[in-house]
Amino acid sequence: MMNIDYLNNDGIDIAVVSGDEMVIVDTQSALDLAMTVKHETGAERIAIDKNVICGDFFILRTGMAGEILQKFINYRVKAAIYGDYSQYISKPLRDFIYESNHGKDFFFVPTKEEAVQKLTKVP
């Protein structure tokens, strides 16, 4: 089941998505989630538990991560994916995570608290 919790952190609305089922399985499902959150709450910042994202997202050659990032930017949605990334040894994925974390739209962090903090601080 998917859970969406809504926070207001320093005046900024953030939705936190977690659960025990895959919610993001392709680009369209990611966009649907973002639009549902935006429509229901007005939140344009989403913290997403890594466990609700299918494994293909983390295989860069599928193109899914890049497509989702582009859709989120187009719709002005900022996202932070939280979870353990230690099992990923792909240099392209590590580079993607590094570059994302130095931007202002898409982040990969270890904990929900860090995701909320990151989304609160970005312009």
Protein backbone atom coordinates (compact mmCIF):
# COMPACT_ATOMS: atom_id res chain seq x y z
CA MET A 1 0.00 0.00 0.00
CA MET A 2 1.17 3.53 -0.77
CA ASN A 3 1.26 6.20 1.92
CA ILE A 4 1.44 9.93 1.24
CA ASP A 5 2.16 12.13 4.25
CA TYR A 6 2.06 15.89 3.96
CA LEU A 7 4.42 18.17 5.83
CA ASN A 8 4.81 21.89 6.04
CA ASN A 9 8.42 22.58 6.83
CA ASP A 10 9.36 26.25 7.28
CA GLY A 11 6.37 27.26 5.13
CA ILE A 12 7.18 24.79 2.36
CA ASP A 13 4.73 22.00 1.50
CA ILE A 14 6.36 18.61 1.06
CA ALA A 15 4.72 15.27 0.32
CA VAL A 16 6.43 12.14 1.62
CA VAL A 17 5.68 9.00 -0.38
CA SER A 18 6.37 5.59 1.13
CA GLY A 19 4.88 2.12 1.08
CA ASP A 20 5.46 -1.54 0.45
CA GLU A 21 4.52 -1.68 -3.23
CA MET A 22 6.06 -0.33 -6.42
CA VAL A 23 4.48 3.03 -7.18
CA ILE A 24 6.92 4.23 -9.82
CA VAL A 25 7.28 1.57 -12.50
CA ASP A 26 7.74 3.83 -15.54
CA THR A 27 7.85 7.48 -16.55
CA GLN A 28 4.06 7.80 -16.69
CA SER A 29 3.51 6.42 -13.19
CA ALA A 30 6.09 8.88 -11.83
CA LEU A 31 4.33 11.76 -13.58
CA ASP A 32 0.93 10.52 -12.34
CA LEU A 33 2.25 10.46 -8.77
CA ALA A 34 3.66 13.99 -9.07
CA MET A 35 0.45 15.35 -10.57
CA THR A 36 -1.72 13.61 -7.95
CA VAL A 37 0.37 15.10 -5.14
CA LYS A 38 0.38 18.53 -6.76
CA HIS A 39 -3.39 18.46 -7.38
CA GLU A 40 -4.38 17.15 -3.95
CA THR A 41 -2.03 19.22 -1.84
CA GLY A 42 -0.39 21.90 -3.94
CA ALA A 43 2.99 20.45 -2.91
CA GLU A 44 5.64 20.69 -5.62
CA ARG A 45 8.28 18.95 -3.54
CA ILE A 46 8.17 15.22 -2.99
CA ALA A 47 10.32 12.96 -0.82
CA ILE A 48 10.11 9.43 -2.22
CA ASP A 49 11.12 6.21 -0.48
CA LYS A 50 13.49 4.32 -2.80
CA ASN A 51 11.53 1.13 -2.06
CA VAL A 52 8.52 2.33 -4.10
CA ILE A 53 10.63 2.77 -7.25
CA CYS A 54 11.26 -0.16 -9.58
CA GLY A 55 14.81 -1.38 -10.09
CA ASP A 56 14.95 -0.29 -13.74
CA PHE A 57 15.07 3.32 -12.56
CA PHE A 58 18.56 2.66 -11.17
CA ILE A 59 19.81 1.08 -14.42
CA LEU A 60 20.67 4.21 -16.36
CA ARG A 61 20.71 2.55 -19.78
CA THR A 62 16.91 2.09 -19.49
CA GLY A 63 16.60 5.88 -19.68
CA MET A 64 13.90 5.91 -17.02
CA ALA A 65 15.75 8.05 -14.47
CA GLY A 66 16.60 10.72 -17.04
CA GLU A 67 13.05 10.79 -18.42
CA ILE A 68 11.51 11.10 -14.96
CA LEU A 69 13.96 13.83 -13.97
CA GLN A 70 13.10 15.75 -17.17
CA LYS A 71 9.33 15.40 -16.60
CA PHE A 72 9.66 16.60 -13.01
CA ILE A 73 11.70 19.62 -14.12
CA ASN A 74 9.15 20.41 -16.87
CA TYR A 75 6.32 20.34 -14.32
CA ARG A 76 8.34 22.23 -11.68
CA VAL A 77 8.40 19.33 -9.24
CA LYS A 78 11.44 18.84 -7.03
CA ALA A 79 12.09 15.37 -5.64
CA ALA A 80 14.41 13.68 -3.18
CA ILE A 81 14.66 9.91 -3.22
CA TYR A 82 15.73 8.48 0.11
CA GLY A 83 17.20 5.09 0.88
CA ASP A 84 20.36 2.99 0.80
CA TYR A 85 22.41 3.28 -2.38
CA SER A 86 25.45 1.31 -1.18
CA GLN A 87 24.61 -1.76 -3.29
CA TYR A 88 24.93 0.20 -6.55
CA ILE A 89 28.42 0.00 -8.02
CA SER A 90 27.66 1.39 -11.49
CA LYS A 91 29.93 4.37 -12.15
CA PRO A 92 27.35 6.05 -14.45
CA LEU A 93 24.71 5.76 -11.71
CA ARG A 94 27.09 7.07 -9.05
CA ASP A 95 27.95 9.99 -11.37
CA PHE A 96 24.22 10.63 -11.98
CA ILE A 97 23.57 10.68 -8.22
CA TYR A 98 26.54 12.99 -7.65
CA GLU A 99 25.45 15.42 -10.38
CA SER A 100 21.82 15.36 -9.20
CA ASN A 101 22.85 16.10 -5.63
CA HIS A 102 24.74 19.18 -6.82
CA GLY A 103 21.73 20.52 -8.71
CA LYS A 104 18.49 21.99 -7.37
CA ASP A 105 15.74 19.66 -8.60
CA PHE A 106 16.46 16.00 -7.89
CA PHE A 107 18.35 14.48 -4.96
CA PHE A 108 19.43 11.10 -3.62
CA VAL A 109 19.86 10.98 0.16
CA PRO A 110 20.02 8.25 2.81
CA THR A 111 17.11 9.22 5.07
CA LYS A 112 13.61 10.69 4.94
CA GLU A 113 14.74 13.46 7.30
CA GLU A 114 17.56 14.44 4.93
CA ALA A 115 15.13 14.38 1.99
CA VAL A 116 12.78 16.77 3.76
CA GLN A 117 15.68 19.01 4.81
CA LYS A 118 17.10 19.10 1.26
CA LEU A 119 13.68 19.93 -0.25
CA THR A 120 13.14 22.66 2.33
CA LYS A 121 16.45 24.38 1.56
CA VAL A 122 16.44 24.45 -2.25
CA PRO A 123 15.06 27.54 -3.95
